[in-house]
PDB file of N, CA and C in Angstrom:
ATOM      1  N   UNK A   1      -2.239 181.594  64.772  1.00  0.00           N
ATOM      2  CA  UNK A   1      -1.800 180.298  64.494  1.00  0.00           C
ATOM      3  C   UNK A   1      -0.934 179.884  66.041  1.00  0.00           C
ATOM      4  N   UNK A   2      -1.850 178.864  66.047  1.00  0.00           N
ATOM      5  CA  UNK A   2      -0.883 178.348  67.675  1.00  0.00           C
ATOM      6  C   UNK A   2       0.152 177.290  67.421  1.00  0.00           C
ATOM      7  N   UNK A   3       0.602 176.880  68.408  1.00  0.00           N
ATOM      8  CA  UNK A   3       1.930 176.359  68.657  1.00  0.00           C
ATOM      9  C   UNK A   3       1.761 175.283  69.515  1.00  0.00           C
ATOM     10  N   UNK A   4       2.111 174.349  69.625  1.00  0.00           N
ATOM     11  CA  UNK A   4       2.619 173.876  71.135  1.00  0.00           C
ATOM     12  C   UNK A   4       4.333 173.291  70.773  1.00  0.00           C
ATOM     13  N   UNK A   5       4.875 173.963  72.191  1.00  0.00           N
ATOM     14  CA  UNK A   5       5.885 173.395  72.919  1.00  0.00           C
ATOM     15  C   UNK A   5       6.278 172.941  73.566  1.00  0.00           C
ATOM     16  N   UNK A   6       7.199 172.114  74.285  1.00  0.00           N
ATOM     17  CA  UNK A   6       7.357 171.112  75.392  1.00  0.00           C
ATOM     18  C   UNK A   6       8.669 171.549  76.113  1.00  0.00           C
ATOM     19  N   UNK A   7       8.677 171.179  77.610  1.00  0.00           N
ATOM     20  CA  UNK A   7       9.508 170.957  78.557  1.00  0.00           C
ATOM     21  C   UNK A   7      10.419 169.463  78.564  1.00  0.00           C
ATOM     22  N   UNK A   8      11.669 169.665  78.813  1.00  0.00           N
ATOM     23  CA  UNK A   8      11.863 168.382  79.435  1.00  0.00           C
ATOM     24  C   UNK A   8      11.361 167.298  80.578  1.00  0.00           C
ATOM     25  N   UNK A   9      10.370 168.507  81.229  1.00  0.00           N
ATOM     26  CA  UNK A   9       9.705 167.546  82.331  1.00  0.00           C
ATOM     27  C   UNK A   9       8.777 167.580  82.164  1.00  0.00           C
ATOM     28  N   UNK A  10       8.217 167.579  81.245  1.00  0.00           N
ATOM     29  CA  UNK A  10       6.696 167.002  80.500  1.00  0.00           C
ATOM     30  C   UNK A  10       5.782 167.599  80.314  1.00  0.00           C
ATOM     31  N   UNK A  11       5.757 168.918  80.667  1.00  0.00           N
ATOM     32  CA  UNK A  11       4.980 169.986  80.583  1.00  0.00           C
ATOM     33  C   UNK A  11       4.530 170.460  79.025  1.00  0.00           C
ATOM     34  N   UNK A  12       3.270 170.431  78.310  1.00  0.00           N
ATOM     35  CA  UNK A  12       3.256 171.694  76.992  1.00  0.00           C
ATOM     36  C   UNK A  12       2.709 172.676  76.982  1.00  0.00           C
ATOM     37  N   UNK A  13       3.166 173.235  76.483  1.00  0.00           N
ATOM     38  CA  UNK A  13       2.365 175.248  76.512  1.00  0.00           C
ATOM     39  C   UNK A  13       1.712 174.970  74.762  1.00  0.00           C
ATOM     40  N   UNK A  14       0.791 175.224  74.629  1.00  0.00           N
ATOM     41  CA  UNK A  14       0.154 175.888  73.286  1.00  0.00           C
ATOM     42  C   UNK A  14      -0.339 177.276  73.324  1.00  0.00           C
ATOM     43  N   UNK A  15       0.645 178.253  72.848  1.00  0.00           N
ATOM     44  CA  UNK A  15       0.488 179.557  72.463  1.00  0.00           C
ATOM     45  C   UNK A  15      -0.729 180.165  71.269  1.00  0.00           C
ATOM     46  N   UNK A  16      -1.312 181.044  71.652  1.00  0.00           N
ATOM     47  CA  UNK A  16      -2.411 181.644  70.527  1.00  0.00           C
ATOM     48  C   UNK A  16      -2.067 183.069  70.471  1.00  0.00           C
ATOM     49  N   UNK A  17      -1.120 183.714  69.953  1.00  0.00           N
ATOM     50  CA  UNK A  17      -1.334 185.060  70.331  1.00  0.00           C
ATOM     51  C   UNK A  17      -0.753 185.741  71.838  1.00  0.00           C
ATOM     52  N   UNK A  18      -1.272 186.277  72.666  1.00  0.00           N
ATOM     53  CA  UNK A  18      -0.696 186.638  74.139  1.00  0.00           C
ATOM     54  C   UNK A  18      -1.191 185.214  74.784  1.00  0.00           C
ATOM     55  N   UNK A  19      -1.727 184.334  74.696  1.00  0.00           N
ATOM     56  CA  UNK A  19      -2.118 183.852  75.435  1.00  0.00           C
ATOM     57  C   UNK A  19      -2.014 182.228  75.648  1.00  0.00           C
ATOM     58  N   UNK A  20      -1.612 181.551  76.213  1.00  0.00           N
ATOM     59  CA  UNK A  20      -1.192 180.103  76.235  1.00  0.00           C
ATOM     60  C   UNK A  20      -1.939 179.257  76.998  1.00  0.00           C
ATOM     61  N   UNK A  21      -2.074 177.756  76.792  1.00  0.00           N
ATOM     62  CA  UNK A  21      -2.718 176.585  77.517  1.00  0.00           C
ATOM     63  C   UNK A  21      -1.474 175.721  77.724  1.00  0.00           C
ATOM     64  N   UNK A  22      -1.759 175.621  79.123  1.00  0.00           N
ATOM     65  CA  UNK A  22      -0.731 174.408  79.595  1.00  0.00           C
ATOM     66  C   UNK A  22      -0.875 173.423  80.654  1.00  0.00           C
ATOM     67  N   UNK A  23      -0.324 172.433  80.507  1.00  0.00           N
ATOM     68  CA  UNK A  23      -1.132 171.061  80.967  1.00  0.00           C
ATOM     69  C   UNK A  23       0.107 169.945  80.935  1.00  0.00           C
ATOM     70  N   UNK A  24       0.316 168.567  81.334  1.00  0.00           N
ATOM     71  CA  UNK A  24       1.562 167.894  81.284  1.00  0.00           C
ATOM     72  C   UNK A  24       1.272 167.047  79.941  1.00  0.00           C
ATOM     73  N   UNK A  25       2.285 166.168  79.510  1.00  0.00           N
ATOM     74  CA  UNK A  25       1.882 165.800  78.505  1.00  0.00           C
ATOM     75  C   UNK A  25       1.537 164.098  78.354  1.00  0.00           C
ATOM     76  N   UNK A  26       1.040 163.597  76.870  1.00  0.00           N
ATOM     77  CA  UNK A  26       0.543 162.145  77.557  1.00  0.00           C
ATOM     78  C   UNK A  26       1.394 161.336  78.056  1.00  0.00           C
ATOM     79  N   UNK A  27       2.617 161.544  77.945  1.00  0.00           N
ATOM     80  CA  UNK A  27       3.457 160.970  78.614  1.00  0.00           C
ATOM     81  C   UNK A  27       3.744 160.616  79.579  1.00  0.00           C
ATOM     82  N   UNK A  28       3.832 161.743  80.325  1.00  0.00           N
ATOM     83  CA  UNK A  28       3.443 162.300  81.847  1.00  0.00           C
ATOM     84  C   UNK A  28       2.542 161.873  82.239  1.00  0.00           C
ATOM     85  N   UNK A  29       1.405 161.519  81.932  1.00  0.00           N
ATOM     86  CA  UNK A  29       0.467 161.275  82.406  1.00  0.00           C
ATOM     87  C   UNK A  29       0.483 159.354  82.909  1.00  0.00           C
ATOM     88  N   UNK A  30       0.764 159.198  81.533  1.00  0.00           N
ATOM     89  CA  UNK A  30       0.908 157.781  81.424  1.00  0.00           C
ATOM     90  C   UNK A  30       1.803 157.004  82.287  1.00  0.00           C
ATOM     91  N   UNK A  31       2.739 158.012  82.629  1.00  0.00           N
ATOM     92  CA  UNK A  31       4.013 157.617  83.572  1.00  0.00           C
ATOM     93  C   UNK A  31       3.364 157.822  84.952  1.00  0.00           C
ATOM     94  N   UNK A  32       2.920 158.716  85.045  1.00  0.00           N
ATOM     95  CA  UNK A  32       1.888 158.915  86.618  1.00  0.00           C
ATOM     96  C   UNK A  32       0.750 157.721  86.614  1.00  0.00           C
ATOM     97  N   UNK A  33       0.132 157.304  86.033  1.00  0.00           N
ATOM     98  CA  UNK A  33      -0.824 156.206  86.445  1.00  0.00           C
ATOM     99  C   UNK A  33      -2.142 157.625  86.722  1.00  0.00           C
ATOM    100  N   UNK A  34      -2.671 156.603  86.991  1.00  0.00           N
ATOM    101  CA  UNK A  34      -3.980 157.556  87.577  1.00  0.00           C
ATOM    102  C   UNK A  34      -4.085 158.720  88.117  1.00  0.00           C
ATOM    103  N   UNK A  35      -4.245 159.741  87.493  1.00  0.00           N
ATOM    104  CA  UNK A  35      -4.523 161.027  88.647  1.00  0.00           C
ATOM    105  C   UNK A  35      -5.837 160.727  89.703  1.00  0.00           C
ATOM    106  N   UNK A  36      -5.178 161.162  90.787  1.00  0.00           N
ATOM    107  CA  UNK A  36      -6.332 161.329  91.708  1.00  0.00           C
ATOM    108  C   UNK A  36      -6.577 162.578  92.673  1.00  0.00           C
ATOM    109  N   UNK A  37      -5.682 163.326  92.183  1.00  0.00           N
ATOM    110  CA  UNK A  37      -5.782 165.220  92.591  1.00  0.00           C
ATOM    111  C   UNK A  37      -5.009 165.989  91.924  1.00  0.00           C
ATOM    112  N   UNK A  38      -5.319 167.541  91.645  1.00  0.00           N
ATOM    113  CA  UNK A  38      -4.583 168.253  91.133  1.00  0.00           C
ATOM    114  C   UNK A  38      -4.572 169.616  91.581  1.00  0.00           C
ATOM    115  N   UNK A  39      -3.606 170.201  92.489  1.00  0.00           N
ATOM    116  CA  UNK A  39      -3.611 171.359  93.097  1.00  0.00           C
ATOM    117  C   UNK A  39      -2.949 172.630  91.930  1.00  0.00           C
ATOM    118  N   UNK A  40      -4.252 173.472  91.657  1.00  0.00           N
ATOM    119  CA  UNK A  40      -3.320 174.255  90.520  1.00  0.00           C
ATOM    120  C   UNK A  40      -3.901 175.168  91.604  1.00  0.00           C
ATOM    121  N   UNK A  41      -2.668 176.574  90.798  1.00  0.00           N
ATOM    122  CA  UNK A  41      -2.429 178.068  91.349  1.00  0.00           C
ATOM    123  C   UNK A  41      -3.837 178.761  91.106  1.00  0.00           C
ATOM    124  N   UNK A  42      -3.946 179.628  91.888  1.00  0.00           N
ATOM    125  CA  UNK A  42      -5.059 180.600  91.724  1.00  0.00           C
ATOM    126  C   UNK A  42      -4.718 182.084  90.682  1.00  0.00           C
ATOM    127  N   UNK A  43      -5.934 182.343  90.434  1.00  0.00           N
ATOM    128  CA  UNK A  43      -6.028 183.500  88.601  1.00  0.00           C
ATOM    129  C   UNK A  43      -5.575 184.707  89.234  1.00  0.00           C
ATOM    130  N   UNK A  44      -4.574 185.281  88.297  1.00  0.00           N
ATOM    131  CA  UNK A  44      -4.176 186.133  88.870  1.00  0.00           C
ATOM    132  C   UNK A  44      -2.391 186.167  89.256  1.00  0.00           C
ATOM    133  N   UNK A  45      -2.161 184.978  89.434  1.00  0.00           N
ATOM    134  CA  UNK A  45      -0.883 184.334  90.159  1.00  0.00           C
ATOM    135  C   UNK A  45       0.531 184.870  89.094  1.00  0.00           C
ATOM    136  N   UNK A  46       1.167 185.224  89.171  1.00  0.00           N
ATOM    137  CA  UNK A  46       2.546 185.234  88.358  1.00  0.00           C
ATOM    138  C   UNK A  46       3.489 184.266  88.797  1.00  0.00           C
ATOM    139  N   UNK A  47       3.951 183.622  87.577  1.00  0.00           N
ATOM    140  CA  UNK A  47       5.388 182.475  87.812  1.00  0.00           C
ATOM    141  C   UNK A  47       6.304 183.268  86.562  1.00  0.00           C
ATOM    142  N   UNK A  48       7.281 182.256  86.921  1.00  0.00           N
ATOM    143  CA  UNK A  48       8.454 182.703  85.989  1.00  0.00           C
ATOM    144  C   UNK A  48       8.426 181.496  85.384  1.00  0.00           C
ATOM    145  N   UNK A  49       9.506 181.653  84.444  1.00  0.00           N
ATOM    146  CA  UNK A  49       9.558 180.119  83.629  1.00  0.00           C
ATOM    147  C   UNK A  49      10.354 179.209  84.586  1.00  0.00           C
ATOM    148  N   UNK A  50       9.805 177.409  85.031  1.00  0.00           N
ATOM    149  CA  UNK A  50      10.472 177.168  85.694  1.00  0.00           C
ATOM    150  C   UNK A  50       9.888 176.904  87.111  1.00  0.00           C
ATOM    151  N   UNK A  51       9.197 178.008  87.276  1.00  0.00           N
ATOM    152  CA  UNK A  51       8.452 177.505  88.801  1.00  0.00           C
ATOM    153  C   UNK A  51       7.423 176.623  89.154  1.00  0.00           C
ATOM    154  N   UNK A  52       7.447 176.212  90.227  1.00  0.00           N
ATOM    155  CA  UNK A  52       6.357 175.093  90.738  1.00  0.00           C
ATOM    156  C   UNK A  52       5.049 176.050  90.274  1.00  0.00           C
ATOM    157  N   UNK A  53       4.299 175.527  89.352  1.00  0.00           N
ATOM    158  CA  UNK A  53       2.925 175.706  89.046  1.00  0.00           C
ATOM    159  C   UNK A  53       1.930 175.445  89.535  1.00  0.00           C
ATOM    160  N   UNK A  54       2.046 174.110  89.756  1.00  0.00           N
ATOM    161  CA  UNK A  54       1.050 172.537  90.015  1.00  0.00           C
ATOM    162  C   UNK A  54       1.611 171.533  91.041  1.00  0.00           C
ATOM    163  N   UNK A  55       0.756 170.458  91.742  1.00  0.00           N
ATOM    164  CA  UNK A  55       1.137 169.764  91.719  1.00  0.00           C
ATOM    165  C   UNK A  55      -0.194 168.796  91.290  1.00  0.00           C
ATOM    166  N   UNK A  56       0.521 167.265  90.737  1.00  0.00           N
ATOM    167  CA  UNK A  56      -0.376 166.396  90.694  1.00  0.00           C
ATOM    168  C   UNK A  56      -0.154 165.240  91.287  1.00  0.00           C
ATOM    169  N   UNK A  57      -1.400 164.500  91.985  1.00  0.00           N
ATOM    170  CA  UNK A  57      -1.100 163.488  92.750  1.00  0.00           C
ATOM    171  C   UNK A  57      -1.707 162.323  91.929  1.00  0.00           C
ATOM    172  N   UNK A  58      -1.095 160.877  91.893  1.00  0.00           N
ATOM    173  CA  UNK A  58      -1.807 160.152  91.469  1.00  0.00           C
ATOM    174  C   UNK A  58      -1.522 159.092  92.121  1.00  0.00           C
ATOM    175  N   UNK A  59      -1.619 157.606  92.036  1.00  0.00           N
ATOM    176  CA  UNK A  59      -1.997 156.209  92.622  1.00  0.00           C
ATOM    177  C   UNK A  59      -0.544 155.960  92.737  1.00  0.00           C
ATOM    178  N   UNK A  60       0.582 156.345  92.317  1.00  0.00           N
ATOM    179  CA  UNK A  60       1.841 156.071  91.904  1.00  0.00           C
ATOM    180  C   UNK A  60       3.000 157.270  93.088  1.00  0.00           C
ATOM    181  N   UNK A  61       2.510 158.180  93.115  1.00  0.00           N
ATOM    182  CA  UNK A  61       3.609 159.705  93.603  1.00  0.00           C
ATOM    183  C   UNK A  61       2.618 160.972  93.445  1.00  0.00           C
ATOM    184  N   UNK A  62       3.375 161.954  94.102  1.00  0.00           N
ATOM    185  CA  UNK A  62       2.774 163.404  94.056  1.00  0.00           C
ATOM    186  C   UNK A  62       4.160 163.825  92.907  1.00  0.00           C
ATOM    187  N   UNK A  63       3.664 164.782  92.129  1.00  0.00           N
ATOM    188  CA  UNK A  63       4.851 165.663  91.113  1.00  0.00           C
ATOM    189  C   UNK A  63       4.475 166.856  91.319  1.00  0.00           C
ATOM    190  N   UNK A  64       5.382 167.395  91.134  1.00  0.00           N
ATOM    191  CA  UNK A  64       5.226 168.858  91.105  1.00  0.00           C
ATOM    192  C   UNK A  64       5.255 169.098  89.462  1.00  0.00           C
ATOM    193  N   UNK A  65       4.101 170.465  89.242  1.00  0.00           N
ATOM    194  CA  UNK A  65       4.573 170.577  87.496  1.00  0.00           C
ATOM    195  C   UNK A  65       4.929 172.092  87.495  1.00  0.00           C
ATOM    196  N   UNK A  66       5.737 172.499  86.573  1.00  0.00           N
ATOM    197  CA  UNK A  66       6.944 173.633  86.677  1.00  0.00           C
ATOM    198  C   UNK A  66       5.727 174.612  85.372  1.00  0.00           C
ATOM    199  N   UNK A  67       6.028 175.899  85.566  1.00  0.00           N
ATOM    200  CA  UNK A  67       5.370 176.456  84.056  1.00  0.00           C
ATOM    201  C   UNK A  67       6.858 176.504  83.262  1.00  0.00           C
ATOM    202  N   UNK A  68       5.994 176.255  82.164  1.00  0.00           N
ATOM    203  CA  UNK A  68       6.805 176.256  80.646  1.00  0.00           C
ATOM    204  C   UNK A  68       7.394 177.008  80.423  1.00  0.00           C
ATOM    205  N   UNK A  69       6.714 178.746  80.577  1.00  0.00           N
ATOM    206  CA  UNK A  69       7.068 179.866  80.340  1.00  0.00           C
ATOM    207  C   UNK A  69       6.512 180.950  81.681  1.00  0.00           C
ATOM    208  N   UNK A  70       6.807 182.090  81.454  1.00  0.00           N
ATOM    209  CA  UNK A  70       6.662 183.042  82.382  1.00  0.00           C
ATOM    210  C   UNK A  70       5.344 183.794  82.035  1.00  0.00           C
ATOM    211  N   UNK A  71       4.250 184.020  82.662  1.00  0.00           N
ATOM    212  CA  UNK A  71       3.302 184.444  83.224  1.00  0.00           C
ATOM    213  C   UNK A  71       2.207 184.745  83.932  1.00  0.00           C
ATOM    214  N   UNK A  72       1.071 185.193  83.663  1.00  0.00           N
ATOM    215  CA  UNK A  72       0.070 185.664  84.988  1.00  0.00           C
ATOM    216  C   UNK A  72      -1.044 184.826  84.756  1.00  0.00           C
ATOM    217  N   UNK A  73      -1.736 183.823  85.445  1.00  0.00           N
ATOM    218  CA  UNK A  73      -2.463 182.568  85.329  1.00  0.00           C
ATOM    219  C   UNK A  73      -3.872 183.623  85.030  1.00  0.00           C
ATOM    220  N   UNK A  74      -4.423 183.163  83.732  1.00  0.00           N
ATOM    221  CA  UNK A  74      -6.114 184.009  83.490  1.00  0.00           C
ATOM    222  C   UNK A  74      -7.126 183.228  83.879  1.00  0.00           C
ATOM    223  N   UNK A  75      -6.786 181.641  84.263  1.00  0.00           N
ATOM    224  CA  UNK A  75      -7.889 180.594  83.985  1.00  0.00           C
ATOM    225  C   UNK A  75      -7.195 179.497  84.494  1.00  0.00           C
ATOM    226  N   UNK A  76      -8.299 178.915  85.547  1.00  0.00           N
ATOM    227  CA  UNK A  76      -7.602 177.070  85.743  1.00  0.00           C
ATOM    228  C   UNK A  76      -8.885 176.258  85.245  1.00  0.00           C
ATOM    229  N   UNK A  77      -8.662 175.483  85.314  1.00  0.00           N
ATOM    230  CA  UNK A  77      -9.475 174.281  84.838  1.00  0.00           C
ATOM    231  C   UNK A  77     -10.024 173.720  85.978  1.00  0.00           C
ATOM    232  N   UNK A  78     -11.034 174.420  86.071  1.00  0.00           N
ATOM    233  CA  UNK A  78     -11.787 174.076  87.101  1.00  0.00           C
ATOM    234  C   UNK A  78     -12.628 172.611  87.340  1.00  0.00           C
ATOM    235  N   UNK A  79     -12.882 172.109  85.976  1.00  0.00           N
ATOM    236  CA  UNK A  79     -13.072 170.772  86.321  1.00  0.00           C
ATOM    237  C   UNK A  79     -12.466 169.628  86.333  1.00  0.00           C
ATOM    238  N   UNK A  80     -11.009 169.780  86.854  1.00  0.00           N
ATOM    239  CA  UNK A  80     -10.010 168.906  87.101  1.00  0.00           C
ATOM    240  C   UNK A  80     -10.540 168.829  88.989  1.00  0.00           C
ATOM    241  N   UNK A  81     -10.831 169.648  89.280  1.00  0.00           N
ATOM    242  CA  UNK A  81     -11.282 169.377  91.059  1.00  0.00           C
ATOM    243  C   UNK A  81     -11.829 168.245  90.905  1.00  0.00           C
ATOM    244  N   UNK A  82     -13.212 168.043  90.082  1.00  0.00           N
ATOM    245  CA  UNK A  82     -13.762 166.882  90.524  1.00  0.00           C
ATOM    246  C   UNK A  82     -13.669 166.077  89.531  1.00  0.00           C
ATOM    247  N   UNK A  83     -13.062 166.198  88.279  1.00  0.00           N
ATOM    248  CA  UNK A  83     -12.688 164.684  87.600  1.00  0.00           C
ATOM    249  C   UNK A  83     -11.405 164.984  87.569  1.00  0.00           C
ATOM    250  N   UNK A  84     -10.210 164.526  88.439  1.00  0.00           N
ATOM    251  CA  UNK A  84      -8.669 164.793  87.870  1.00  0.00           C
ATOM    252  C   UNK A  84      -8.648 163.814  86.666  1.00  0.00           C
ATOM    253  N   UNK A  85      -8.766 162.605  86.898  1.00  0.00           N
ATOM    254  CA  UNK A  85      -8.890 161.811  85.618  1.00  0.00           C
ATOM    255  C   UNK A  85      -8.896 162.340  84.339  1.00  0.00           C
ATOM    256  N   UNK A  86      -9.400 163.266  84.016  1.00  0.00           N
ATOM    257  CA  UNK A  86      -9.626 164.253  82.860  1.00  0.00           C
ATOM    258  C   UNK A  86      -7.888 164.330  82.215  1.00  0.00           C
ATOM    259  N   UNK A  87      -6.940 164.300  83.129  1.00  0.00           N
ATOM    260  CA  UNK A  87      -5.474 164.083  82.900  1.00  0.00           C
ATOM    261  C   UNK A  87      -5.327 163.032  81.949  1.00  0.00           C
ATOM    262  N   UNK A  88      -5.397 162.037  82.525  1.00  0.00           N
ATOM    263  CA  UNK A  88      -5.167 160.969  81.978  1.00  0.00           C
ATOM    264  C   UNK A  88      -6.115 160.710  80.345  1.00  0.00           C
ATOM    265  N   UNK A  89      -7.054 161.092  80.476  1.00  0.00           N
ATOM    266  CA  UNK A  89      -7.964 160.881  79.383  1.00  0.00           C
ATOM    267  C   UNK A  89      -7.924 161.557  78.334  1.00  0.00           C
ATOM    268  N   UNK A  90      -7.296 163.053  78.753  1.00  0.00           N
ATOM    269  CA  UNK A  90      -7.581 164.149  77.542  1.00  0.00           C
ATOM    270  C   UNK A  90      -6.563 165.029  78.057  1.00  0.00           C
ATOM    271  N   UNK A  91      -4.920 164.390  78.202  1.00  0.00           N
ATOM    272  CA  UNK A  91      -3.983 165.836  78.448  1.00  0.00           C
ATOM    273  C   UNK A  91      -3.623 166.986  77.692  1.00  0.00           C
ATOM    274  N   UNK A  92      -3.943 167.037  76.296  1.00  0.00           N
ATOM    275  CA  UNK A  92      -4.031 167.704  75.443  1.00  0.00           C
ATOM    276  C   UNK A  92      -4.968 168.687  75.155  1.00  0.00           C
ATOM    277  N   UNK A  93      -6.226 168.546  75.793  1.00  0.00           N
ATOM    278  CA  UNK A  93      -7.450 169.109  75.352  1.00  0.00           C
ATOM    279  C   UNK A  93      -8.216 169.282  76.773  1.00  0.00           C
ATOM    280  N   UNK A  94      -8.886 168.401  77.116  1.00  0.00           N
ATOM    281  CA  UNK A  94     -10.052 168.405  78.138  1.00  0.00           C
ATOM    282  C   UNK A  94      -9.283 168.558  79.871  1.00  0.00           C
ATOM    283  N   UNK A  95      -8.162 167.892  79.446  1.00  0.00           N
ATOM    284  CA  UNK A  95      -7.164 167.882  81.147  1.00  0.00           C
ATOM    285  C   UNK A  95      -5.995 169.136  80.637  1.00  0.00           C
ATOM    286  N   UNK A  96      -5.964 170.268  80.252  1.00  0.00           N
ATOM    287  CA  UNK A  96      -5.782 171.478  80.448  1.00  0.00           C
ATOM    288  C   UNK A  96      -5.627 171.789  81.990  1.00  0.00           C
ATOM    289  N   UNK A  97      -4.688 172.430  82.483  1.00  0.00           N
ATOM    290  CA  UNK A  97      -4.458 172.923  83.241  1.00  0.00           C
ATOM    291  C   UNK A  97      -4.500 174.408  84.156  1.00  0.00           C
ATOM    292  N   UNK A  98      -3.512 175.461  83.107  1.00  0.00           N
ATOM    293  CA  UNK A  98      -4.255 176.390  83.530  1.00  0.00           C
ATOM    294  C   UNK A  98      -3.988 177.368  82.062  1.00  0.00           C
ATOM    295  N   UNK A  99      -4.408 178.688  81.945  1.00  0.00           N
ATOM    296  CA  UNK A  99      -4.514 179.784  80.918  1.00  0.00           C
ATOM    297  C   UNK A  99      -3.736 180.580  81.278  1.00  0.00           C
ATOM    298  N   UNK A 100      -2.502 181.221  80.686  1.00  0.00           N
ATOM    299  CA  UNK A 100      -1.155 182.328  80.833  1.00  0.00           C
ATOM    300  C   UNK A 100      -1.418 183.384  80.022  1.00  0.00           C
ATOM    301  N   UNK A 101      -1.171 184.465  80.826  1.00  0.00           N
ATOM    302  CA  UNK A 101      -0.832 185.467  80.043  1.00  0.00           C
ATOM    303  C   UNK A 101       0.425 185.699  79.732  1.00  0.00           C
ATOM    304  N   UNK A 102       1.356 185.552  78.638  1.00  0.00           N
ATOM    305  CA  UNK A 102       2.712 185.121  78.161  1.00  0.00           C
ATOM    306  C   UNK A 102       3.204 186.547  78.426  1.00  0.00           C
ATOM    307  N   UNK A 103       4.038 186.506  79.078  1.00  0.00           N
ATOM    308  CA  UNK A 103       4.758 187.651  79.645  1.00  0.00           C
ATOM    309  C   UNK A 103       6.454 187.706  78.443  1.00  0.00           C
ATOM    310  N   UNK A 104       6.391 186.782  78.400  1.00  0.00           N
ATOM    311  CA  UNK A 104       7.794 186.583  77.344  1.00  0.00           C
ATOM    312  C   UNK A 104       8.042 185.664  76.465  1.00  0.00           C
ATOM    313  N   UNK A 105       7.441 186.171  75.262  1.00  0.00           N
ATOM    314  CA  UNK A 105       7.431 184.916  74.269  1.00  0.00           C
ATOM    315  C   UNK A 105       8.652 184.041  73.862  1.00  0.00           C
ATOM    316  N   UNK A 106       9.834 184.926  73.849  1.00  0.00           N
ATOM    317  CA  UNK A 106      10.751 184.632  73.762  1.00  0.00           C
ATOM    318  C   UNK A 106      11.008 183.389  74.109  1.00  0.00           C
ATOM    319  N   UNK A 107      10.983 182.909  75.188  1.00  0.00           N
ATOM    320  CA  UNK A 107      10.967 181.793  75.867  1.00  0.00           C
ATOM    321  C   UNK A 107      10.442 180.625  75.282  1.00  0.00           C
ATOM    322  N   UNK A 108       9.565 180.743  74.556  1.00  0.00           N
ATOM    323  CA  UNK A 108       9.159 179.478  73.622  1.00  0.00           C
ATOM    324  C   UNK A 108      10.016 178.992  73.127  1.00  0.00           C
ATOM    325  N   UNK A 109      11.588 179.559  72.755  1.00  0.00           N
ATOM    326  CA  UNK A 109      12.475 179.182  71.753  1.00  0.00           C
ATOM    327  C   UNK A 109      13.248 178.435  72.432  1.00  0.00           C
ATOM    328  N   UNK A 110      13.142 178.178  74.070  1.00  0.00           N
ATOM    329  CA  UNK A 110      14.325 177.181  74.902  1.00  0.00           C
ATOM    330  C   UNK A 110      13.389 175.864  74.894  1.00  0.00           C
ATOM    331  N   UNK A 111      11.832 176.100  74.125  1.00  0.00           N
ATOM    332  CA  UNK A 111      11.036 174.883  74.698  1.00  0.00           C
ATOM    333  C   UNK A 111      11.091 173.629  73.304  1.00  0.00           C
ATOM    334  N   UNK A 112      11.059 172.307  73.321  1.00  0.00           N
ATOM    335  CA  UNK A 112      10.980 171.796  72.068  1.00  0.00           C
ATOM    336  C   UNK A 112       9.883 171.273  71.448  1.00  0.00           C
ATOM    337  N   UNK A 113       9.765 171.032  69.937  1.00  0.00           N
ATOM    338  CA  UNK A 113       8.931 171.200  69.414  1.00  0.00           C
ATOM    339  C   UNK A 113       8.459 169.807  69.163  1.00  0.00           C
ATOM    340  N   UNK A 114       7.347 169.611  68.420  1.00  0.00           N
ATOM    341  CA  UNK A 114       6.986 168.049  68.110  1.00  0.00           C
ATOM    342  C   UNK A 114       7.754 167.120  68.495  1.00  0.00           C
ATOM    343  N   UNK A 115       8.752 167.125  67.164  1.00  0.00           N
ATOM    344  CA  UNK A 115      10.015 166.251  66.816  1.00  0.00           C
ATOM    345  C   UNK A 115      11.014 166.346  67.952  1.00  0.00           C
ATOM    346  N   UNK A 116      11.137 166.994  68.424  1.00  0.00           N
ATOM    347  CA  UNK A 116      12.341 167.042  69.599  1.00  0.00           C
ATOM    348  C   UNK A 116      11.723 166.708  70.355  1.00  0.00           C
ATOM    349  N   UNK A 117      10.498 166.406  70.858  1.00  0.00           N
ATOM    350  CA  UNK A 117       9.772 165.896  72.416  1.00  0.00           C
ATOM    351  C   UNK A 117       9.934 164.453  72.263  1.00  0.00           C
ATOM    352  N   UNK A 118       9.114 164.344  71.087  1.00  0.00           N
ATOM    353  CA  UNK A 118       8.983 162.875  70.373  1.00  0.00           C
ATOM    354  C   UNK A 118      10.561 162.424  70.886  1.00  0.00           C
ATOM    355  N   UNK A 119      11.656 162.645  70.180  1.00  0.00           N
ATOM    356  CA  UNK A 119      12.629 162.269  70.138  1.00  0.00           C
ATOM    357  C   UNK A 119      13.014 161.977  71.908  1.00  0.00           C
ATOM    358  N   UNK A 120      13.102 163.002  72.750  1.00  0.00           N
ATOM    359  CA  UNK A 120      13.541 163.323  73.927  1.00  0.00           C
ATOM    360  C   UNK A 120      12.393 162.075  74.739  1.00  0.00           C
ATOM    361  N   UNK A 121      11.279 161.575  74.684  1.00  0.00           N
ATOM    362  CA  UNK A 121      10.817 160.683  74.880  1.00  0.00           C
ATOM    363  C   UNK A 121      10.972 158.932  74.464  1.00  0.00           C
ATOM    364  N   UNK A 122      11.826 158.917  73.588  1.00  0.00           N
ATOM    365  CA  UNK A 122      11.889 157.709  73.097  1.00  0.00           C
ATOM    366  C   UNK A 122      13.281 156.758  73.800  1.00  0.00           C
TER     367      UNK A 122
END
């Protein structure tokens, strides 16, 4: 069973077993405007919760993206290199950033669920 959680900085993470997929939320993508470049980490790199994981450049600004949970990168979304606009078009599916091997599933409890995130963005 998968579950999606959110950070106050507008990253999402969807966990399924020991693995997780993460990206930025539709709200963040809309606030950024058209994404023109995404800098992703290398496979195998380890992150602690809150570490800077990626950089997104849009027509408005460059923004850091933080690791929603601790883990090791097992895959990156190479499609974003040639098509960074996928972040705007499909932030929760085709616009994912990395897959992580979850280091501490307990960190998910510090993140918001759907209802709490919705309230956070209103």
